[in-house]
N, C-alpha and C. Protein backbone atom coordinates (compact mmCIF):
# COMPACT_ATOMS: atom_id res chain seq x y z
N MET A 1 -121.43 181.19 26.05
CA MET A 1 -121.00 182.55 25.91
C MET A 1 -120.74 183.13 27.29
N ASP A 2 -119.64 183.83 27.44
CA ASP A 2 -119.30 184.47 28.70
C ASP A 2 -120.16 185.72 28.86
N TYR A 3 -121.06 185.71 29.84
CA TYR A 3 -122.03 186.79 29.99
C TYR A 3 -121.43 188.10 30.48
N GLU A 4 -120.17 188.12 30.80
CA GLU A 4 -119.52 189.36 31.21
C GLU A 4 -118.54 189.86 30.16
N SER A 5 -118.48 189.19 29.02
CA SER A 5 -117.52 189.56 27.99
C SER A 5 -118.04 190.71 27.13
N ASN A 6 -117.11 191.34 26.44
CA ASN A 6 -117.48 192.40 25.51
C ASN A 6 -118.32 191.84 24.37
N GLU A 7 -118.03 190.60 23.97
CA GLU A 7 -118.78 189.97 22.89
C GLU A 7 -120.25 189.85 23.26
N TYR A 8 -120.53 189.45 24.50
CA TYR A 8 -121.92 189.32 24.94
C TYR A 8 -122.59 190.70 25.00
N THR A 9 -121.87 191.68 25.51
CA THR A 9 -122.40 193.05 25.59
C THR A 9 -122.74 193.56 24.20
N GLU A 10 -121.86 193.32 23.24
CA GLU A 10 -122.11 193.74 21.87
C GLU A 10 -123.31 193.01 21.29
N TRP A 11 -123.44 191.71 21.61
CA TRP A 11 -124.56 190.93 21.12
C TRP A 11 -125.88 191.50 21.65
N ILE A 12 -125.89 191.86 22.92
CA ILE A 12 -127.10 192.44 23.54
C ILE A 12 -127.45 193.75 22.85
N CYS A 13 -126.46 194.60 22.63
CA CYS A 13 -126.71 195.88 21.96
C CYS A 13 -127.27 195.65 20.56
N THR A 14 -126.70 194.69 19.85
CA THR A 14 -127.18 194.36 18.51
C THR A 14 -128.60 193.83 18.55
N LEU A 15 -128.88 192.95 19.49
CA LEU A 15 -130.24 192.41 19.66
C LEU A 15 -131.22 193.55 19.90
N ASN A 16 -130.90 194.42 20.81
CA ASN A 16 -131.78 195.55 21.13
C ASN A 16 -132.02 196.42 19.89
N GLU A 17 -130.94 196.76 19.18
CA GLU A 17 -131.06 197.60 17.99
C GLU A 17 -131.88 196.91 16.91
N ASP A 18 -131.63 195.61 16.71
CA ASP A 18 -132.37 194.85 15.70
C ASP A 18 -133.86 194.83 16.00
N ILE A 19 -134.21 194.60 17.24
CA ILE A 19 -135.63 194.49 17.58
C ILE A 19 -136.31 195.85 17.51
N VAL A 20 -135.65 196.90 17.93
CA VAL A 20 -136.21 198.24 17.77
C VAL A 20 -136.44 198.51 16.29
N SER A 21 -135.47 198.16 15.47
CA SER A 21 -135.58 198.36 14.02
C SER A 21 -136.75 197.56 13.43
N LEU A 22 -136.93 196.32 13.88
CA LEU A 22 -138.05 195.51 13.40
C LEU A 22 -139.40 196.17 13.73
N PHE A 23 -139.52 196.68 14.95
CA PHE A 23 -140.76 197.35 15.33
C PHE A 23 -140.96 198.63 14.53
N ALA A 24 -139.90 199.40 14.34
CA ALA A 24 -139.99 200.64 13.58
C ALA A 24 -140.42 200.36 12.14
N GLN A 25 -139.84 199.33 11.54
CA GLN A 25 -140.21 198.97 10.17
C GLN A 25 -141.65 198.47 10.10
N GLN A 26 -142.02 197.60 11.01
CA GLN A 26 -143.37 197.02 11.01
C GLN A 26 -144.44 198.10 11.16
N LEU A 27 -144.16 199.08 12.02
CA LEU A 27 -145.16 200.10 12.34
C LEU A 27 -144.99 201.37 11.51
N GLY A 28 -143.90 201.46 10.74
CA GLY A 28 -143.65 202.67 9.95
C GLY A 28 -143.42 203.89 10.82
N ASP A 29 -142.69 203.69 11.91
CA ASP A 29 -142.47 204.77 12.89
C ASP A 29 -141.00 204.76 13.31
N ASP A 30 -140.23 205.73 12.82
CA ASP A 30 -138.80 205.76 13.15
C ASP A 30 -138.49 206.44 14.48
N THR A 31 -139.54 206.79 15.23
CA THR A 31 -139.31 207.40 16.55
C THR A 31 -139.34 206.36 17.66
N ILE A 32 -139.58 205.11 17.31
CA ILE A 32 -139.66 204.04 18.31
C ILE A 32 -138.29 203.82 18.95
N THR A 33 -138.29 203.64 20.27
CA THR A 33 -137.07 203.38 21.02
C THR A 33 -137.25 202.10 21.83
N ILE A 34 -136.19 201.69 22.48
CA ILE A 34 -136.22 200.49 23.32
C ILE A 34 -137.23 200.64 24.46
N ASP A 35 -137.52 201.87 24.86
CA ASP A 35 -138.44 202.12 25.98
C ASP A 35 -139.86 202.45 25.53
N SER A 36 -140.11 202.39 24.22
CA SER A 36 -141.46 202.68 23.73
C SER A 36 -142.46 201.66 24.28
N LEU A 37 -143.59 202.16 24.72
CA LEU A 37 -144.67 201.30 25.20
C LEU A 37 -145.42 200.73 24.00
N PHE A 38 -145.64 199.43 24.00
CA PHE A 38 -146.33 198.80 22.88
C PHE A 38 -147.68 199.47 22.61
N LEU A 39 -148.45 199.71 23.65
CA LEU A 39 -149.77 200.29 23.45
C LEU A 39 -149.70 201.71 22.92
N ASP A 40 -148.67 202.47 23.29
CA ASP A 40 -148.52 203.85 22.82
C ASP A 40 -148.15 203.92 21.34
N VAL A 41 -147.40 202.94 20.85
CA VAL A 41 -146.97 202.97 19.44
C VAL A 41 -147.88 202.15 18.53
N GLY A 42 -148.92 201.55 19.11
CA GLY A 42 -149.92 200.88 18.32
C GLY A 42 -149.64 199.43 17.96
N VAL A 43 -148.81 198.76 18.74
CA VAL A 43 -148.54 197.35 18.48
C VAL A 43 -149.80 196.55 18.77
N ASP A 44 -150.19 195.71 17.80
CA ASP A 44 -151.30 194.80 18.04
C ASP A 44 -150.78 193.36 17.92
N SER A 45 -151.66 192.41 18.10
CA SER A 45 -151.22 191.02 18.13
C SER A 45 -150.62 190.59 16.79
N LEU A 46 -151.15 191.07 15.68
CA LEU A 46 -150.61 190.69 14.37
C LEU A 46 -149.21 191.27 14.16
N ASP A 47 -149.02 192.54 14.56
CA ASP A 47 -147.68 193.14 14.47
C ASP A 47 -146.69 192.33 15.30
N PHE A 48 -147.10 192.00 16.50
CA PHE A 48 -146.22 191.29 17.42
C PHE A 48 -145.82 189.93 16.85
N ILE A 49 -146.78 189.17 16.36
CA ILE A 49 -146.47 187.84 15.82
C ILE A 49 -145.56 187.96 14.60
N SER A 50 -145.81 188.93 13.76
CA SER A 50 -144.96 189.14 12.59
C SER A 50 -143.51 189.41 13.01
N ILE A 51 -143.33 190.21 14.02
CA ILE A 51 -141.99 190.53 14.51
C ILE A 51 -141.37 189.31 15.20
N VAL A 52 -142.15 188.58 15.96
CA VAL A 52 -141.64 187.37 16.62
C VAL A 52 -141.10 186.38 15.59
N VAL A 53 -141.82 186.19 14.50
CA VAL A 53 -141.36 185.28 13.45
C VAL A 53 -140.01 185.75 12.90
N LYS A 54 -139.86 187.04 12.69
CA LYS A 54 -138.59 187.58 12.19
C LYS A 54 -137.46 187.37 13.21
N ILE A 55 -137.77 187.56 14.49
CA ILE A 55 -136.77 187.35 15.55
C ILE A 55 -136.38 185.87 15.59
N GLU A 56 -137.37 185.00 15.55
CA GLU A 56 -137.09 183.56 15.58
C GLU A 56 -136.19 183.15 14.43
N ASN A 57 -136.47 183.65 13.25
CA ASN A 57 -135.67 183.30 12.07
C ASN A 57 -134.25 183.86 12.16
N LYS A 58 -134.15 185.10 12.58
CA LYS A 58 -132.83 185.74 12.63
C LYS A 58 -131.94 185.14 13.71
N TYR A 59 -132.50 184.86 14.88
CA TYR A 59 -131.71 184.41 16.02
C TYR A 59 -131.81 182.91 16.28
N ASN A 60 -132.52 182.22 15.39
CA ASN A 60 -132.64 180.76 15.49
C ASN A 60 -133.14 180.32 16.88
N ILE A 61 -134.22 180.95 17.29
CA ILE A 61 -134.87 180.59 18.55
C ILE A 61 -136.34 180.33 18.25
N GLU A 62 -137.04 179.71 19.18
CA GLU A 62 -138.47 179.50 19.04
C GLU A 62 -139.16 179.95 20.32
N PHE A 63 -140.03 180.92 20.18
CA PHE A 63 -140.75 181.44 21.33
C PHE A 63 -141.70 180.37 21.87
N ALA A 64 -141.80 180.27 23.16
CA ALA A 64 -142.78 179.40 23.80
C ALA A 64 -144.17 179.97 23.54
N ASP A 65 -145.16 179.12 23.53
CA ASP A 65 -146.53 179.58 23.29
C ASP A 65 -146.93 180.70 24.25
N ASP A 66 -146.51 180.59 25.50
CA ASP A 66 -146.84 181.61 26.51
C ASP A 66 -146.24 182.98 26.17
N ASP A 67 -145.20 182.99 25.35
CA ASP A 67 -144.51 184.25 25.01
C ASP A 67 -145.08 184.90 23.76
N LEU A 68 -146.12 184.33 23.19
CA LEU A 68 -146.70 184.88 21.96
C LEU A 68 -147.80 185.90 22.22
N ASN A 69 -148.12 186.13 23.47
CA ASN A 69 -149.11 187.14 23.84
C ASN A 69 -148.40 188.47 24.05
N TYR A 70 -148.62 189.40 23.15
CA TYR A 70 -147.93 190.68 23.22
C TYR A 70 -148.27 191.48 24.48
N LEU A 71 -149.39 191.18 25.11
CA LEU A 71 -149.76 191.89 26.34
C LEU A 71 -148.89 191.47 27.53
N LYS A 72 -148.10 190.43 27.35
CA LYS A 72 -147.18 189.99 28.40
C LYS A 72 -146.02 190.99 28.57
N PHE A 73 -145.78 191.79 27.54
CA PHE A 73 -144.66 192.72 27.54
C PHE A 73 -145.18 194.15 27.41
N THR A 74 -144.58 195.05 28.14
CA THR A 74 -145.01 196.45 28.09
C THR A 74 -144.20 197.25 27.09
N THR A 75 -142.90 196.98 27.04
CA THR A 75 -142.00 197.73 26.16
C THR A 75 -141.13 196.77 25.35
N ILE A 76 -140.44 197.32 24.38
CA ILE A 76 -139.48 196.53 23.61
C ILE A 76 -138.38 196.03 24.54
N LYS A 77 -138.00 196.85 25.49
CA LYS A 77 -136.96 196.43 26.44
C LYS A 77 -137.42 195.21 27.24
N ASP A 78 -138.68 195.18 27.64
CA ASP A 78 -139.21 194.00 28.34
C ASP A 78 -139.05 192.75 27.48
N LEU A 79 -139.35 192.90 26.20
CA LEU A 79 -139.23 191.77 25.28
C LEU A 79 -137.78 191.34 25.12
N THR A 80 -136.87 192.28 24.90
CA THR A 80 -135.46 191.90 24.71
C THR A 80 -134.87 191.30 25.98
N THR A 81 -135.25 191.82 27.12
CA THR A 81 -134.78 191.26 28.39
C THR A 81 -135.27 189.81 28.54
N HIS A 82 -136.52 189.60 28.17
CA HIS A 82 -137.08 188.25 28.24
C HIS A 82 -136.35 187.30 27.28
N ILE A 83 -136.06 187.75 26.09
CA ILE A 83 -135.33 186.93 25.12
C ILE A 83 -133.97 186.57 25.69
N GLN A 84 -133.28 187.54 26.26
CA GLN A 84 -131.95 187.29 26.83
C GLN A 84 -132.01 186.28 27.95
N SER A 85 -133.00 186.38 28.82
CA SER A 85 -133.05 185.49 29.98
C SER A 85 -133.62 184.10 29.65
N SER A 86 -134.45 184.03 28.61
CA SER A 86 -135.12 182.76 28.31
C SER A 86 -134.52 181.97 27.17
N TYR A 87 -133.86 182.64 26.27
CA TYR A 87 -133.44 181.96 25.05
C TYR A 87 -131.94 182.03 24.78
N CYS A 88 -131.20 182.59 25.68
CA CYS A 88 -129.75 182.71 25.46
C CYS A 88 -128.97 181.83 26.41
């Protein structure tokens, strides 16, 4: 994929929106944004793993064991940036 193309930019926007939506659904909080802090919105390890499984299934990726610790990421944006750099 050409990382400077409109297609890639659209894919990133879709990824970001999808992951924000997954967190909002999991936590029952429609005020969650890409910049929401995990600890502020109440993400725990079970929420995180549940969302990771959904991301893996939707995007056909597999998180490394080191990436399954939700404390590694501060915000949803940190997570999406990591997905982009590690799995794309």
